[in-house]
C-alpha atoms as a PDB file:
ATOM      1  CA  MET A   1       0.000   0.000   0.000  1.00  0.00           C
ATOM      2  CA  HIS A   2       1.301   3.455  -0.904  1.00  0.00           C
ATOM      3  CA  GLU A   3       2.044   5.723   2.033  1.00  0.00           C
ATOM      4  CA  ILE A   4       1.433   9.459   1.699  1.00  0.00           C
ATOM      5  CA  PRO A   5       4.767  11.272   2.203  1.00  0.00           C
ATOM      6  CA  PRO A   6       5.090  12.915   5.628  1.00  0.00           C
ATOM      7  CA  PRO A   7       4.498  16.696   5.660  1.00  0.00           C
ATOM      8  CA  ASP A   8       8.205  17.604   5.766  1.00  0.00           C
ATOM      9  CA  HIS A   9       8.898  15.608   2.600  1.00  0.00           C
ATOM     10  CA  ARG A  10       5.907  16.434   0.445  1.00  0.00           C
ATOM     11  CA  PRO A  11       6.581  17.579  -3.116  1.00  0.00           C
ATOM     12  CA  ALA A  12       5.962  21.271  -3.804  1.00  0.00           C
ATOM     13  CA  SER A  13       2.862  20.428  -5.864  1.00  0.00           C
ATOM     14  CA  MET A  14       1.287  18.791  -2.820  1.00  0.00           C
ATOM     15  CA  MET A  15       1.810  21.926  -0.756  1.00  0.00           C
ATOM     16  CA  ALA A  16      -0.553  23.808  -3.080  1.00  0.00           C
ATOM     17  CA  ARG A  17      -3.607  22.325  -1.323  1.00  0.00           C
ATOM     18  CA  PRO A  18      -2.476  22.316   2.326  1.00  0.00           C
ATOM     19  CA  GLY A  19      -5.948  22.155   3.897  1.00  0.00           C
ATOM     20  CA  PHE A  20      -7.097  18.935   2.269  1.00  0.00           C
ATOM     21  CA  LEU A  21      -3.653  17.341   2.248  1.00  0.00           C
ATOM     22  CA  ALA A  22      -3.122  18.263   5.901  1.00  0.00           C
ATOM     23  CA  PHE A  23      -6.389  16.483   6.648  1.00  0.00           C
ATOM     24  CA  LEU A  24      -5.210  13.369   4.790  1.00  0.00           C
ATOM     25  CA  HIS A  25      -2.095  13.334   6.993  1.00  0.00           C
ATOM     26  CA  SER A  26      -4.145  13.562  10.173  1.00  0.00           C
ATOM     27  CA  GLU A  27      -5.566  10.725  12.243  1.00  0.00           C
ATOM     28  CA  ALA A  28      -9.033  11.561  10.932  1.00  0.00           C
ATOM     29  CA  GLY A  29      -7.641  11.517   7.395  1.00  0.00           C
ATOM     30  CA  ALA A  30      -6.235   8.029   7.903  1.00  0.00           C
ATOM     31  CA  GLY A  31      -9.718   6.892   8.868  1.00  0.00           C
ATOM     32  CA  PHE A  32     -11.205   8.643   5.855  1.00  0.00           C
ATOM     33  CA  LEU A  33      -8.775   6.868   3.495  1.00  0.00           C
ATOM     34  CA  ALA A  34      -9.470   3.442   4.983  1.00  0.00           C
ATOM     35  CA  GLY A  35     -11.167   1.389   2.291  1.00  0.00           C
ATOM     36  CA  PHE A  36      -9.718   3.365  -0.622  1.00  0.00           C
ATOM     37  CA  GLU A  37      -7.753   1.361  -3.165  1.00  0.00           C
ATOM     38  CA  HIS A  38      -4.184   2.627  -3.624  1.00  0.00           C
ATOM     39  CA  ILE A  39      -2.991   2.352  -7.235  1.00  0.00           C
ATOM     40  CA  ARG A  40       0.256   3.326  -8.943  1.00  0.00           C
ATOM     41  CA  TYR A  41       0.431   4.158 -12.643  1.00  0.00           C
ATOM     42  CA  ALA A  42       3.297   4.542 -15.089  1.00  0.00           C
ATOM     43  CA  LYS A  43       3.580   7.424 -17.555  1.00  0.00           C
ATOM     44  CA  GLY A  44       0.935   7.196 -20.273  1.00  0.00           C
ATOM     45  CA  GLU A  45      -1.028   4.430 -18.564  1.00  0.00           C
ATOM     46  CA  LEU A  46      -4.801   4.816 -18.854  1.00  0.00           C
ATOM     47  CA  ILE A  47      -6.693   5.228 -15.592  1.00  0.00           C
ATOM     48  CA  ALA A  48     -10.214   5.444 -17.025  1.00  0.00           C
ATOM     49  CA  THR A  49     -11.999   5.569 -20.378  1.00  0.00           C
ATOM     50  CA  PRO A  50     -15.468   6.877 -21.306  1.00  0.00           C
ATOM     51  CA  GLY A  51     -16.778   3.386 -22.017  1.00  0.00           C
ATOM     52  CA  SER A  52     -15.703   1.938 -18.680  1.00  0.00           C
ATOM     53  CA  ALA A  53     -18.396   0.398 -16.494  1.00  0.00           C
ATOM     54  CA  GLN A  54     -16.521   1.520 -13.389  1.00  0.00           C
ATOM     55  CA  ASP A  55     -17.991   4.451 -11.482  1.00  0.00           C
ATOM     56  CA  ARG A  56     -15.352   5.597  -9.013  1.00  0.00           C
ATOM     57  CA  VAL A  57     -14.027   8.729  -7.385  1.00  0.00           C
ATOM     58  CA  PHE A  58     -10.297   9.145  -7.018  1.00  0.00           C
ATOM     59  CA  ILE A  59      -7.880  11.511  -5.316  1.00  0.00           C
ATOM     60  CA  VAL A  60      -4.468  12.195  -6.825  1.00  0.00           C
ATOM     61  CA  ILE A  61      -1.818  11.543  -4.168  1.00  0.00           C
ATOM     62  CA  SER A  62       1.311  12.148  -6.235  1.00  0.00           C
ATOM     63  CA  GLY A  63       2.199  12.927  -9.840  1.00  0.00           C
ATOM     64  CA  ARG A  64      -0.217  14.357 -12.405  1.00  0.00           C
ATOM     65  CA  VAL A  65      -3.180  12.936 -14.314  1.00  0.00           C
ATOM     66  CA  ARG A  66      -4.207  14.216 -17.737  1.00  0.00           C
ATOM     67  CA  ALA A  67      -7.947  14.538 -18.426  1.00  0.00           C
ATOM     68  CA  TYR A  68      -8.741  14.737 -22.134  1.00  0.00           C
ATOM     69  CA  LEU A  69     -11.324  14.137 -24.842  1.00  0.00           C
ATOM     70  CA  ALA A  70     -10.404  12.025 -27.855  1.00  0.00           C
ATOM     71  CA  SER A  71     -11.748  11.147 -31.283  1.00  0.00           C
ATOM     72  CA  ASP A  72     -10.241   9.371 -34.267  1.00  0.00           C
ATOM     73  CA  GLU A  73      -8.824  12.691 -35.498  1.00  0.00           C
ATOM     74  CA  ARG A  74      -7.573  14.506 -32.404  1.00  0.00           C
ATOM     75  CA  GLU A  75      -7.235  14.802 -28.645  1.00  0.00           C
ATOM     76  CA  ILE A  76      -8.217  17.828 -26.560  1.00  0.00           C
ATOM     77  CA  THR A  77      -6.597  18.171 -23.140  1.00  0.00           C
ATOM     78  CA  LEU A  78      -9.035  19.518 -20.548  1.00  0.00           C
ATOM     79  CA  SER A  79      -6.825  19.698 -17.480  1.00  0.00           C
ATOM     80  CA  PHE A  80      -3.866  18.263 -15.607  1.00  0.00           C
ATOM     81  CA  LEU A  81      -4.938  17.034 -12.175  1.00  0.00           C
ATOM     82  CA  GLU A  82      -2.357  17.405  -9.409  1.00  0.00           C
ATOM     83  CA  SER A  83      -1.843  16.170  -5.860  1.00  0.00           C
ATOM     84  CA  GLY A  84      -4.998  16.722  -3.825  1.00  0.00           C
ATOM     85  CA  ASP A  85      -7.314  17.006  -6.846  1.00  0.00           C
ATOM     86  CA  ILE A  86     -10.494  14.905  -6.927  1.00  0.00           C
ATOM     87  CA  PHE A  87     -12.164  13.493 -10.033  1.00  0.00           C
ATOM     88  CA  SER A  88     -14.709  10.910 -11.118  1.00  0.00           C
ATOM     89  CA  THR A  89     -14.065   8.183 -13.673  1.00  0.00           C
ATOM     90  CA  HIS A  90     -17.718   8.188 -14.805  1.00  0.00           C
ATOM     91  CA  THR A  91     -17.331  11.019 -17.346  1.00  0.00           C
ATOM     92  CA  PRO A  92     -16.827  11.397 -21.127  1.00  0.00           C
ATOM     93  CA  ALA A  93     -13.133  12.108 -20.500  1.00  0.00           C
ATOM     94  CA  TYR A  94     -10.124   9.840 -20.787  1.00  0.00           C
ATOM     95  CA  LEU A  95      -7.784   9.874 -17.804  1.00  0.00           C
ATOM     96  CA  ALA A  96      -4.115   9.008 -18.210  1.00  0.00           C
ATOM     97  CA  SER A  97      -1.088   9.285 -15.969  1.00  0.00           C
ATOM     98  CA  ALA A  98       1.151  12.135 -17.167  1.00  0.00           C
ATOM     99  CA  GLY A  99       4.099  10.553 -15.361  1.00  0.00           C
ATOM    100  CA  ALA A 100       4.591   8.156 -12.489  1.00  0.00           C
ATOM    101  CA  SER A 101       1.558   8.802 -10.298  1.00  0.00           C
ATOM    102  CA  THR A 102      -0.370   7.378  -7.373  1.00  0.00           C
ATOM    103  CA  ILE A 103      -4.090   7.694  -6.729  1.00  0.00           C
ATOM    104  CA  VAL A 104      -6.566   6.424  -4.175  1.00  0.00           C
ATOM    105  CA  ALA A 105      -9.930   5.308  -5.563  1.00  0.00           C
ATOM    106  CA  MET A 106     -13.320   4.278  -4.216  1.00  0.00           C
ATOM    107  CA  ASP A 107     -16.736   3.378  -5.610  1.00  0.00           C
ATOM    108  CA  THR A 108     -18.819   6.556  -6.027  1.00  0.00           C
ATOM    109  CA  ARG A 109     -21.668   5.314  -3.825  1.00  0.00           C
ATOM    110  CA  ARG A 110     -19.304   4.424  -0.995  1.00  0.00           C
ATOM    111  CA  PHE A 111     -17.516   7.749  -1.421  1.00  0.00           C
ATOM    112  CA  ALA A 112     -20.832   9.609  -1.038  1.00  0.00           C
ATOM    113  CA  GLU A 113     -21.508   7.688   2.166  1.00  0.00           C
ATOM    114  CA  ARG A 114     -18.001   8.506   3.400  1.00  0.00           C
ATOM    115  CA  MET A 115     -18.509  12.210   2.654  1.00  0.00           C
ATOM    116  CA  ALA A 116     -21.765  12.183   4.640  1.00  0.00           C
ATOM    117  CA  HIS A 117     -19.670  11.421   7.722  1.00  0.00           C
ATOM    118  CA  HIS A 118     -17.159  14.189   6.891  1.00  0.00           C
ATOM    119  CA  PRO A 119     -19.272  17.251   5.951  1.00  0.00           C
ATOM    120  CA  GLY A 120     -16.310  19.515   6.676  1.00  0.00           C
ATOM    121  CA  LEU A 121     -14.641  18.216   3.503  1.00  0.00           C
ATOM    122  CA  THR A 122     -17.410  19.531   1.232  1.00  0.00           C
ATOM    123  CA  PRO A 123     -15.658  22.903   0.628  1.00  0.00           C
ATOM    124  CA  PHE A 124     -12.533  21.049  -0.543  1.00  0.00           C
ATOM    125  CA  LEU A 125     -14.607  18.947  -2.926  1.00  0.00           C
ATOM    126  CA  MET A 126     -16.390  22.009  -4.310  1.00  0.00           C
ATOM    127  CA  ARG A 127     -13.069  23.821  -4.725  1.00  0.00           C
ATOM    128  CA  ALA A 128     -11.614  20.878  -6.652  1.00  0.00           C
ATOM    129  CA  LEU A 129     -14.622  20.727  -8.975  1.00  0.00           C
ATOM    130  CA  GLY A 130     -14.485  24.494  -9.406  1.00  0.00           C
ATOM    131  CA  LYS A 131     -10.821  24.264 -10.402  1.00  0.00           C
ATOM    132  CA  LEU A 132     -11.631  21.701 -13.073  1.00  0.00           C
ATOM    133  CA  LEU A 133     -14.506  23.793 -14.434  1.00  0.00           C
ATOM    134  CA  ASN A 134     -12.251  26.851 -14.512  1.00  0.00           C
ATOM    135  CA  ASP A 135      -9.577  24.855 -16.365  1.00  0.00           C
ATOM    136  CA  VAL A 136     -12.116  23.780 -18.995  1.00  0.00           C
ATOM    137  CA  ILE A 137     -13.486  27.318 -19.435  1.00  0.00           C
ATOM    138  CA  ARG A 138      -9.968  28.722 -19.804  1.00  0.00           C
ATOM    139  CA  ARG A 139      -9.196  25.959 -22.280  1.00  0.00           C
ATOM    140  CA  ILE A 140     -12.192  26.929 -24.425  1.00  0.00           C
ATOM    141  CA  GLU A 141     -11.221  30.601 -24.241  1.00  0.00           C
ATOM    142  CA  ARG A 142      -7.663  29.844 -25.360  1.00  0.00           C
ATOM    143  CA  LEU A 143      -8.838  27.647 -28.236  1.00  0.00           C
ATOM    144  CA  SER A 144     -10.893  30.590 -29.512  1.00  0.00           C
ATOM    145  CA  LEU A 145      -7.588  32.374 -30.188  1.00  0.00           C
ATOM    146  CA  LYS A 146      -6.326  31.287 -33.595  1.00  0.00           C
ATOM    147  CA  ASP A 147      -2.790  32.594 -33.089  1.00  0.00           C
ATOM    148  CA  ALA A 148      -0.555  30.087 -31.273  1.00  0.00           C
ATOM    149  CA  GLY A 149       1.425  32.915 -29.705  1.00  0.00           C
ATOM    150  CA  ALA A 150      -1.748  34.486 -28.300  1.00  0.00           C
ATOM    151  CA  ARG A 151      -2.782  31.140 -26.783  1.00  0.00           C
ATOM    152  CA  LEU A 152       0.619  30.801 -25.131  1.00  0.00           C
ATOM    153  CA  ALA A 153       0.518  34.430 -23.947  1.00  0.00           C
ATOM    154  CA  ALA A 154      -2.900  33.797 -22.374  1.00  0.00           C
ATOM    155  CA  TYR A 155      -1.636  30.692 -20.593  1.00  0.00           C
ATOM    156  CA  LEU A 156       1.508  32.411 -19.294  1.00  0.00           C
ATOM    157  CA  ALA A 157      -0.412  35.486 -18.127  1.00  0.00           C
ATOM    158  CA  GLU A 158      -2.896  33.298 -16.227  1.00  0.00           C
ATOM    159  CA  THR A 159      -0.126  31.171 -14.720  1.00  0.00           C
ATOM    160  CA  THR A 160       1.817  34.258 -13.643  1.00  0.00           C
ATOM    161  CA  ARG A 161      -1.254  35.766 -11.973  1.00  0.00           C
ATOM    162  CA  GLN A 162      -2.012  32.484 -10.194  1.00  0.00           C
ATOM    163  CA  ARG A 163       1.436  31.132  -9.297  1.00  0.00           C
ATOM    164  CA  GLY A 164       4.000  33.836  -9.966  1.00  0.00           C
ATOM    165  CA  THR A 165       5.995  35.537  -7.224  1.00  0.00           C
ATOM    166  CA  PRO A 166       7.175  39.166  -7.476  1.00  0.00           C
ATOM    167  CA  ASP A 167      10.825  39.563  -8.464  1.00  0.00           C
ATOM    168  CA  GLY A 168      11.775  43.213  -8.595  1.00  0.00           C
ATOM    169  CA  GLU A 169       9.733  44.707 -11.422  1.00  0.00           C
ATOM    170  CA  GLY A 170       8.951  41.283 -12.867  1.00  0.00           C
ATOM    171  CA  TRP A 171       7.631  37.891 -11.836  1.00  0.00           C
ATOM    172  CA  LEU A 172       9.146  34.448 -11.342  1.00  0.00           C
ATOM    173  CA  THR A 173       6.682  32.017 -12.898  1.00  0.00           C
ATOM    174  CA  PRO A 174       6.978  28.230 -12.436  1.00  0.00           C
ATOM    175  CA  LEU A 175       5.462  26.324 -15.342  1.00  0.00           C
ATOM    176  CA  GLY A 176       4.892  23.158 -13.330  1.00  0.00           C
ATOM    177  CA  MET A 177       4.877  21.042 -16.500  1.00  0.00           C
ATOM    178  CA  SER A 178       6.955  20.288 -19.571  1.00  0.00           C
ATOM    179  CA  LEU A 179       6.677  22.195 -22.852  1.00  0.00           C
ATOM    180  CA  GLY A 180       5.063  19.104 -24.356  1.00  0.00           C
ATOM    181  CA  GLU A 181       2.335  19.198 -21.711  1.00  0.00           C
ATOM    182  CA  VAL A 182       1.853  22.948 -22.211  1.00  0.00           C
ATOM    183  CA  ALA A 183       1.456  22.243 -25.930  1.00  0.00           C
ATOM    184  CA  LEU A 184      -1.240  19.657 -25.179  1.00  0.00           C
ATOM    185  CA  LEU A 185      -3.162  22.234 -23.146  1.00  0.00           C
ATOM    186  CA  LEU A 186      -2.907  24.782 -25.943  1.00  0.00           C
ATOM    187  CA  GLY A 187      -3.775  22.446 -28.808  1.00  0.00           C
ATOM    188  CA  SER A 188      -0.349  23.048 -30.312  1.00  0.00           C
ATOM    189  CA  THR A 189       2.988  21.261 -30.719  1.00  0.00           C
ATOM    190  CA  ARG A 190       6.095  21.345 -28.568  1.00  0.00           C
ATOM    191  CA  GLN A 191       8.074  22.869 -31.437  1.00  0.00           C
ATOM    192  CA  THR A 192       5.558  25.703 -31.851  1.00  0.00           C
ATOM    193  CA  VAL A 193       5.467  26.449 -28.118  1.00  0.00           C
ATOM    194  CA  SER A 194       9.269  26.485 -27.991  1.00  0.00           C
ATOM    195  CA  ALA A 195       9.438  28.836 -30.983  1.00  0.00           C
ATOM    196  CA  GLN A 196       6.875  31.202 -29.444  1.00  0.00           C
ATOM    197  CA  LEU A 197       8.770  31.226 -26.144  1.00  0.00           C
ATOM    198  CA  SER A 198      11.947  32.118 -28.029  1.00  0.00           C
ATOM    199  CA  ALA A 199      10.092  34.989 -29.722  1.00  0.00           C
ATOM    200  CA  MET A 200       8.955  36.267 -26.313  1.00  0.00           C
ATOM    201  CA  VAL A 201      12.551  36.134 -25.088  1.00  0.00           C
ATOM    202  CA  ARG A 202      13.738  38.122 -28.125  1.00  0.00           C
ATOM    203  CA  LEU A 203      11.050  40.736 -27.452  1.00  0.00           C
ATOM    204  CA  GLY A 204      12.239  41.068 -23.854  1.00  0.00           C
ATOM    205  CA  ILE A 205       8.867  39.951 -22.492  1.00  0.00           C
ATOM    206  CA  LEU A 206      10.377  37.109 -20.500  1.00  0.00           C
ATOM    207  CA  GLU A 207      13.539  35.149 -19.725  1.00  0.00           C
ATOM    208  CA  ARG A 208      14.001  31.416 -19.360  1.00  0.00           C
ATOM    209  CA  ARG A 209      15.555  30.570 -15.990  1.00  0.00           C
ATOM    210  CA  GLY A 210      15.458  26.794 -16.389  1.00  0.00           C
ATOM    211  CA  ARG A 211      13.404  24.022 -17.939  1.00  0.00           C
ATOM    212  CA  ARG A 212      10.292  24.937 -15.950  1.00  0.00           C
ATOM    213  CA  LEU A 213      10.934  28.433 -14.622  1.00  0.00           C
ATOM    214  CA  LEU A 214      10.420  31.772 -16.355  1.00  0.00           C
ATOM    215  CA  ARG A 215      11.026  35.352 -15.354  1.00  0.00           C
ATOM    216  CA  VAL A 216       8.218  37.448 -16.803  1.00  0.00           C
ATOM    217  CA  ASN A 217       9.568  40.961 -17.321  1.00  0.00           C
ATOM    218  CA  GLN A 218       6.518  42.523 -18.980  1.00  0.00           C
ATOM    219  CA  LEU A 219       3.273  40.921 -17.856  1.00  0.00           C
ATOM    220  CA  GLU A 220       1.228  43.725 -19.396  1.00  0.00           C
ATOM    221  CA  ARG A 221       2.600  42.877 -22.869  1.00  0.00           C
ATOM    222  CA  LEU A 222       1.595  39.225 -22.415  1.00  0.00           C
ATOM    223  CA  GLU A 223      -1.910  40.334 -21.479  1.00  0.00           C
ATOM    224  CA  HIS A 224      -2.062  42.718 -24.442  1.00  0.00           C
ATOM    225  CA  TRP A 225      -0.974  39.877 -26.747  1.00  0.00           C
ATOM    226  CA  ARG A 226      -3.760  37.731 -25.308  1.00  0.00           C
ATOM    227  CA  GLU A 227      -6.377  40.459 -25.754  1.00  0.00           C
ATOM    228  CA  SER A 228      -5.320  41.629 -29.224  1.00  0.00           C
ATOM    229  CA  GLY A 229      -4.469  38.200 -30.630  1.00  0.00           C
ATOM    230  CA  ARG A 230      -1.372  39.693 -32.263  1.00  0.00           C
ATOM    231  CA  MET A 231       2.325  39.676 -31.408  1.00  0.00           C
ATOM    232  CA  PRO A 232       3.272  43.024 -29.824  1.00  0.00           C
ATOM    233  CA  SER A 233       5.756  45.188 -31.674  1.00  0.00           C
END
């Protein structure tokens, strides 16, 4: 059985939802998790498909899970679920592990009964569902932008507002995912995202500080690019 890492050794992504994760580390949380099935997945492994007869709720313990729609022609990424996120397998979406990941899962009916005994967790559940809905709405908004650069500018502006930390007159913005995963969210390719990032660097809008860290020098120009749909001069 997978053990949740102790608080002092939790990955940074797990610290993003301290209330719910702190509960899972508590004595009451251990009782809440009793009866959940602990499952580990390798990168790319399917967790659920639309045609599955299973109807379960799961909580991501570690790693990331990609939720996406798929047809014979294309795939549309809806969201990347992270540690502490909750989701249901009984949806039209495919769920796949974006890397090595661990989840805990339970039958939906049993989960509802479990929640009835823990009403204090309802706000966490609503917040998780709200995050997913917000991700989908933002995804639709970005897809309405035909220019790949504008879609990337919109994503980076949103990420900076949500996760960035002030750094002098700019912002340090952690991407939290690879360029390939960013491309999936934007309906683009890794090569296109990389080229657009390079263009932003040349324009002085941002600097690359590592594989997954940016320094955004001119957030207002990113937001203007998003609004106008055109590369700023």
